[in-house]
C-alpha atoms as a PDB file:
ATOM      1  CA  MET A   1     105.198 118.444  66.393  1.00  0.00           C
ATOM      2  CA  GLY A   2     103.078 121.161  64.802  1.00  0.00           C
ATOM      3  CA  VAL A   3     104.930 123.397  62.351  1.00  0.00           C
ATOM      4  CA  LEU A   4     103.527 126.479  60.622  1.00  0.00           C
ATOM      5  CA  LEU A   5     105.057 127.762  57.373  1.00  0.00           C
ATOM      6  CA  CYS A   6     104.766 131.269  55.944  1.00  0.00           C
ATOM      7  CA  GLU A   7     104.854 130.458  52.236  1.00  0.00           C
ATOM      8  CA  THR A   8     105.675 134.063  51.346  1.00  0.00           C
ATOM      9  CA  THR A   9     108.877 134.291  53.426  1.00  0.00           C
ATOM     10  CA  GLY A  10     109.706 130.632  54.098  1.00  0.00           C
ATOM     11  CA  ALA A  11     109.705 131.272  57.870  1.00  0.00           C
ATOM     12  CA  LEU A  12     108.904 128.247  60.050  1.00  0.00           C
ATOM     13  CA  TYR A  13     107.218 128.361  63.474  1.00  0.00           C
ATOM     14  CA  THR A  14     107.025 125.457  65.914  1.00  0.00           C
ATOM     15  CA  LEU A  15     103.582 125.453  67.484  1.00  0.00           C
ATOM     16  CA  SER A  16     102.854 125.355  71.190  1.00  0.00           C
ATOM     17  CA  ALA A  17      99.617 123.888  72.531  1.00  0.00           C
ATOM     18  CA  GLN A  18      98.173 127.402  72.114  1.00  0.00           C
ATOM     19  CA  THR A  19      99.876 129.662  69.600  1.00  0.00           C
ATOM     20  CA  THR A  20      98.551 133.212  69.207  1.00  0.00           C
ATOM     21  CA  ILE A  21      99.080 135.016  65.909  1.00  0.00           C
ATOM     22  CA  GLY A  22      98.930 138.801  65.464  1.00  0.00           C
ATOM     23  CA  ARG A  23     100.758 142.134  65.661  1.00  0.00           C
ATOM     24  CA  SER A  24     101.074 142.250  69.458  1.00  0.00           C
ATOM     25  CA  ARG A  25     104.464 141.681  71.124  1.00  0.00           C
ATOM     26  CA  GLY A  26     102.861 138.913  73.183  1.00  0.00           C
ATOM     27  CA  CYS A  27     102.029 136.817  70.128  1.00  0.00           C
ATOM     28  CA  ALA A  28     104.170 133.770  69.375  1.00  0.00           C
ATOM     29  CA  VAL A  29     103.798 134.461  65.644  1.00  0.00           C
ATOM     30  CA  ARG A  30     104.126 138.209  65.080  1.00  0.00           C
ATOM     31  CA  LEU A  31     102.923 139.676  61.794  1.00  0.00           C
ATOM     32  CA  ASP A  32     103.839 143.159  60.625  1.00  0.00           C
ATOM     33  CA  ASP A  33     100.725 143.942  58.610  1.00  0.00           C
ATOM     34  CA  ARG A  34      98.223 146.669  59.495  1.00  0.00           C
ATOM     35  CA  ARG A  35      95.366 144.432  58.283  1.00  0.00           C
ATOM     36  CA  VAL A  36      96.191 141.980  61.091  1.00  0.00           C
ATOM     37  CA  SER A  37      94.764 142.603  64.574  1.00  0.00           C
ATOM     38  CA  GLY A  38      96.889 142.727  67.733  1.00  0.00           C
ATOM     39  CA  GLU A  39      95.694 139.249  68.705  1.00  0.00           C
ATOM     40  CA  HIS A  40      94.218 138.055  65.451  1.00  0.00           C
ATOM     41  CA  ALA A  41      93.951 134.256  65.589  1.00  0.00           C
ATOM     42  CA  ARG A  42      94.996 131.228  67.616  1.00  0.00           C
ATOM     43  CA  LEU A  43      96.088 127.716  66.721  1.00  0.00           C
ATOM     44  CA  THR A  44      95.150 125.302  69.524  1.00  0.00           C
ATOM     45  CA  TRP A  45      95.946 121.609  69.964  1.00  0.00           C
ATOM     46  CA  SER A  46      92.698 119.806  70.808  1.00  0.00           C
ATOM     47  CA  GLY A  47      94.278 116.483  71.770  1.00  0.00           C
ATOM     48  CA  ASP A  48      94.038 114.929  68.314  1.00  0.00           C
ATOM     49  CA  ARG A  49      94.210 117.820  65.824  1.00  0.00           C
ATOM     50  CA  TRP A  50      94.870 121.534  65.387  1.00  0.00           C
ATOM     51  CA  LEU A  51      92.037 124.063  65.558  1.00  0.00           C
ATOM     52  CA  LEU A  52      92.320 127.495  63.916  1.00  0.00           C
ATOM     53  CA  LEU A  53      90.279 130.142  65.725  1.00  0.00           C
ATOM     54  CA  ASP A  54      89.692 133.753  64.709  1.00  0.00           C
ATOM     55  CA  LEU A  55      89.776 135.965  67.830  1.00  0.00           C
ATOM     56  CA  GLY A  56      87.248 138.509  66.569  1.00  0.00           C
ATOM     57  CA  SER A  57      89.655 140.198  64.184  1.00  0.00           C
ATOM     58  CA  ARG A  58      88.448 143.104  62.052  1.00  0.00           C
ATOM     59  CA  ASN A  59      89.647 141.693  58.717  1.00  0.00           C
ATOM     60  CA  GLY A  60      89.122 137.996  59.376  1.00  0.00           C
ATOM     61  CA  THR A  61      90.956 134.703  59.159  1.00  0.00           C
ATOM     62  CA  TRP A  62      90.496 132.836  55.911  1.00  0.00           C
ATOM     63  CA  ILE A  63      90.658 129.118  55.043  1.00  0.00           C
ATOM     64  CA  ARG A  64      90.069 127.989  51.448  1.00  0.00           C
ATOM     65  CA  SER A  65      88.726 131.464  50.552  1.00  0.00           C
ATOM     66  CA  ALA A  66      86.077 131.254  53.294  1.00  0.00           C
ATOM     67  CA  ARG A  67      86.119 133.578  56.274  1.00  0.00           C
ATOM     68  CA  LEU A  68      86.028 131.871  59.680  1.00  0.00           C
ATOM     69  CA  ASP A  69      83.274 132.944  62.034  1.00  0.00           C
ATOM     70  CA  ALA A  70      84.733 134.830  65.007  1.00  0.00           C
ATOM     71  CA  GLN A  71      85.335 132.626  68.039  1.00  0.00           C
ATOM     72  CA  GLN A  72      84.515 129.426  66.114  1.00  0.00           C
ATOM     73  CA  GLY A  73      87.421 127.078  65.568  1.00  0.00           C
ATOM     74  CA  GLU A  74      87.908 124.942  62.505  1.00  0.00           C
ATOM     75  CA  GLY A  75      89.960 121.755  62.485  1.00  0.00           C
ATOM     76  CA  ILE A  76      92.894 121.819  60.102  1.00  0.00           C
ATOM     77  CA  GLY A  77      95.304 119.152  58.925  1.00  0.00           C
ATOM     78  CA  VAL A  78      98.587 118.906  57.066  1.00  0.00           C
ATOM     79  CA  ASP A  79      98.823 121.268  54.097  1.00  0.00           C
ATOM     80  CA  ALA A  80      95.817 123.345  55.205  1.00  0.00           C
ATOM     81  CA  ARG A  81      96.263 126.811  53.695  1.00  0.00           C
ATOM     82  CA  PHE A  82      95.004 130.024  55.262  1.00  0.00           C
ATOM     83  CA  HIS A  83      95.739 133.729  55.655  1.00  0.00           C
ATOM     84  CA  PHE A  84      95.159 136.486  58.175  1.00  0.00           C
ATOM     85  CA  GLY A  85      93.544 139.852  57.460  1.00  0.00           C
ATOM     86  CA  ALA A  86      93.559 139.804  53.681  1.00  0.00           C
ATOM     87  CA  PRO A  87      95.051 137.717  50.884  1.00  0.00           C
ATOM     88  CA  GLY A  88      98.729 138.269  50.358  1.00  0.00           C
ATOM     89  CA  GLU A  89     100.746 136.329  52.882  1.00  0.00           C
ATOM     90  CA  ASP A  90      99.847 132.637  52.633  1.00  0.00           C
ATOM     91  CA  TRP A  91     100.310 130.228  55.535  1.00  0.00           C
ATOM     92  CA  ARG A  92     100.315 126.433  55.617  1.00  0.00           C
ATOM     93  CA  LEU A  93     100.287 123.807  58.343  1.00  0.00           C
ATOM     94  CA  LEU A  94     103.418 121.886  57.401  1.00  0.00           C
ATOM     95  CA  ASP A  95     103.293 119.309  60.227  1.00  0.00           C
ATOM     96  CA  ALA A  96     100.112 118.467  62.143  1.00  0.00           C
ATOM     97  CA  GLY A  97     101.761 116.468  64.944  1.00  0.00           C
ATOM     98  CA  ALA A  98     101.141 117.098  68.636  1.00  0.00           C
ATOM     99  CA  PRO A  99     103.038 119.978  70.263  1.00  0.00           C
ATOM    100  CA  GLU A 100     106.175 119.171  72.249  1.00  0.00           C
ATOM    101  CA  PRO A 101     106.533 120.408  75.818  1.00  0.00           C
ATOM    102  CA  LYS A 102     109.033 123.245  76.105  1.00  0.00           C
ATOM    103  CA  ALA A 103     110.037 126.346  78.047  1.00  0.00           C
ATOM    104  CA  ARG A 104     110.950 129.593  76.266  1.00  0.00           C
ATOM    105  CA  ASP A 105     113.102 132.371  77.704  1.00  0.00           C
ATOM    106  CA  ILE A 106     110.863 135.375  77.100  1.00  0.00           C
ATOM    107  CA  GLU A 107     113.676 137.914  76.682  1.00  0.00           C
ATOM    108  CA  ARG A 108     116.312 135.882  74.822  1.00  0.00           C
ATOM    109  CA  GLY A 109     114.037 133.505  72.908  1.00  0.00           C
ATOM    110  CA  GLU A 110     116.025 130.429  73.962  1.00  0.00           C
ATOM    111  CA  ILE A 111     113.998 127.223  74.098  1.00  0.00           C
ATOM    112  CA  ARG A 112     114.392 124.162  76.316  1.00  0.00           C
ATOM    113  CA  THR A 113     112.476 121.159  74.992  1.00  0.00           C
ATOM    114  CA  ALA A 114     111.561 118.092  77.022  1.00  0.00           C
ATOM    115  CA  ARG A 115     114.071 115.261  76.792  1.00  0.00           C
ATOM    116  CA  SER A 116     112.677 111.921  77.903  1.00  0.00           C
ATOM    117  CA  GLY A 117     109.723 113.844  79.338  1.00  0.00           C
ATOM    118  CA  VAL A 118     111.831 116.225  81.461  1.00  0.00           C
ATOM    119  CA  ILE A 119     112.683 119.925  81.114  1.00  0.00           C
ATOM    120  CA  HIS A 120     115.628 121.316  83.120  1.00  0.00           C
ATOM    121  CA  LEU A 121     115.830 125.048  83.817  1.00  0.00           C
ATOM    122  CA  PRO A 122     117.938 127.014  83.230  1.00  0.00           C
ATOM    123  CA  ASN A 123     119.733 124.048  81.579  1.00  0.00           C
ATOM    124  CA  ALA A 124     120.523 120.327  81.985  1.00  0.00           C
ATOM    125  CA  GLU A 125     124.097 121.018  83.151  1.00  0.00           C
ATOM    126  CA  ALA A 126     123.058 123.146  86.152  1.00  0.00           C
ATOM    127  CA  PRO A 127     119.349 122.578  86.756  1.00  0.00           C
ATOM    128  CA  GLU A 128     117.534 124.614  89.393  1.00  0.00           C
ATOM    129  CA  LEU A 129     114.053 123.473  88.405  1.00  0.00           C
ATOM    130  CA  VAL A 130     112.918 120.154  86.980  1.00  0.00           C
ATOM    131  CA  ILE A 131     109.630 119.902  85.097  1.00  0.00           C
ATOM    132  CA  CYS A 132     108.200 116.464  84.318  1.00  0.00           C
ATOM    133  CA  GLN A 133     104.935 114.733  83.540  1.00  0.00           C
ATOM    134  CA  ASP A 134     103.430 112.259  86.009  1.00  0.00           C
ATOM    135  CA  ALA A 135     101.495 109.069  85.205  1.00  0.00           C
ATOM    136  CA  ALA A 136      98.208 110.995  85.259  1.00  0.00           C
ATOM    137  CA  GLY A 137      99.452 113.401  82.546  1.00  0.00           C
ATOM    138  CA  ARG A 138      99.935 116.397  84.864  1.00  0.00           C
ATOM    139  CA  TRP A 139     103.050 118.545  84.488  1.00  0.00           C
ATOM    140  CA  LEU A 140     104.873 119.004  87.795  1.00  0.00           C
ATOM    141  CA  LEU A 141     107.591 121.356  89.040  1.00  0.00           C
ATOM    142  CA  GLU A 142     110.280 120.384  91.520  1.00  0.00           C
ATOM    143  CA  GLN A 143     113.058 122.618  92.821  1.00  0.00           C
ATOM    144  CA  VAL A 144     116.522 120.994  92.747  1.00  0.00           C
ATOM    145  CA  GLY A 145     118.254 120.889  96.133  1.00  0.00           C
ATOM    146  CA  GLY A 146     115.455 122.788  97.835  1.00  0.00           C
ATOM    147  CA  ALA A 147     112.414 121.817  99.795  1.00  0.00           C
ATOM    148  CA  ASN A 148     110.500 118.873  98.434  1.00  0.00           C
ATOM    149  CA  ASP A 149     107.691 121.122  97.262  1.00  0.00           C
ATOM    150  CA  ILE A 150     106.168 119.683  94.117  1.00  0.00           C
ATOM    151  CA  ARG A 151     103.384 121.549  92.401  1.00  0.00           C
ATOM    152  CA  GLU A 152     101.304 121.233  89.270  1.00  0.00           C
ATOM    153  CA  LEU A 153     101.958 123.570  86.341  1.00  0.00           C
ATOM    154  CA  ARG A 154      99.714 124.918  83.616  1.00  0.00           C
ATOM    155  CA  ASP A 155     100.265 125.887  79.992  1.00  0.00           C
ATOM    156  CA  LEU A 156     101.687 129.401  79.437  1.00  0.00           C
ATOM    157  CA  GLU A 157     102.693 129.754  83.110  1.00  0.00           C
ATOM    158  CA  GLN A 158     105.822 131.853  83.679  1.00  0.00           C
ATOM    159  CA  LEU A 159     108.700 130.839  85.954  1.00  0.00           C
ATOM    160  CA  THR A 160     111.678 132.946  87.035  1.00  0.00           C
ATOM    161  CA  VAL A 161     114.968 131.061  87.252  1.00  0.00           C
ATOM    162  CA  SER A 162     118.279 132.844  87.931  1.00  0.00           C
ATOM    163  CA  GLY A 163     116.728 136.174  86.971  1.00  0.00           C
ATOM    164  CA  ARG A 164     115.392 134.873  83.636  1.00  0.00           C
ATOM    165  CA  VAL A 165     111.673 134.526  82.917  1.00  0.00           C
ATOM    166  CA  TRP A 166     110.637 131.319  81.151  1.00  0.00           C
ATOM    167  CA  GLN A 167     107.194 130.665  79.705  1.00  0.00           C
ATOM    168  CA  LEU A 168     105.958 127.086  79.674  1.00  0.00           C
ATOM    169  CA  HIS A 169     104.336 125.551  76.637  1.00  0.00           C
ATOM    170  CA  ILE A 170     102.905 122.249  77.805  1.00  0.00           C
ATOM    171  CA  PRO A 171     100.160 120.315  76.047  1.00  0.00           C
END
C-alpha cells in the first residue's frame, strides 16, 4: 500500500488511488504553508506505479531539485523525494505498493478497509451496505436486507449510511 512520509514532521499518510495534496479542506494531505496552492499536486496510482502530478500550482512541485511541468505526471518509486511550493518540508514515498480499497468517514475520519475484498458500512458487526469487487475488477454496492439492487461504484464516490457520509477510495 502506498505510504507518504513528511520527513520534517514524521507524519505518515496512506495513499488512495488518487490523493490530492494542498491547503484546501478537501485535500487528503493538507499542508499549512502559504506557498502551497489550494489543490497543489496529486499522487495517482497508474496500475503499476505512482505518478506525481503538479496541478498548475503557482510555486511548483519539485522532484530531485527539478520543477515538474504543470499537468505532466512523473513516475516515482520507493524513496523518491520531493517538495511542494518551495524547499523546506521534504516528502518521501516510503512504500510504493498499490493502494488498498477503503471507505473514509468524511466528518470523523474513521476508515474501513477491505477485508478479503469486502468493505462493510457502517461496520462489519451491523452492515447496511456491502462493497465488493467482482471477477471483472468492478467495485459493486449491495444494500443488506433491502432490494437486490446492485450497482457499480467509482473512486471518490460518496455514500450516506446511517446519517454518516463515507467517501470511497477504490483503485
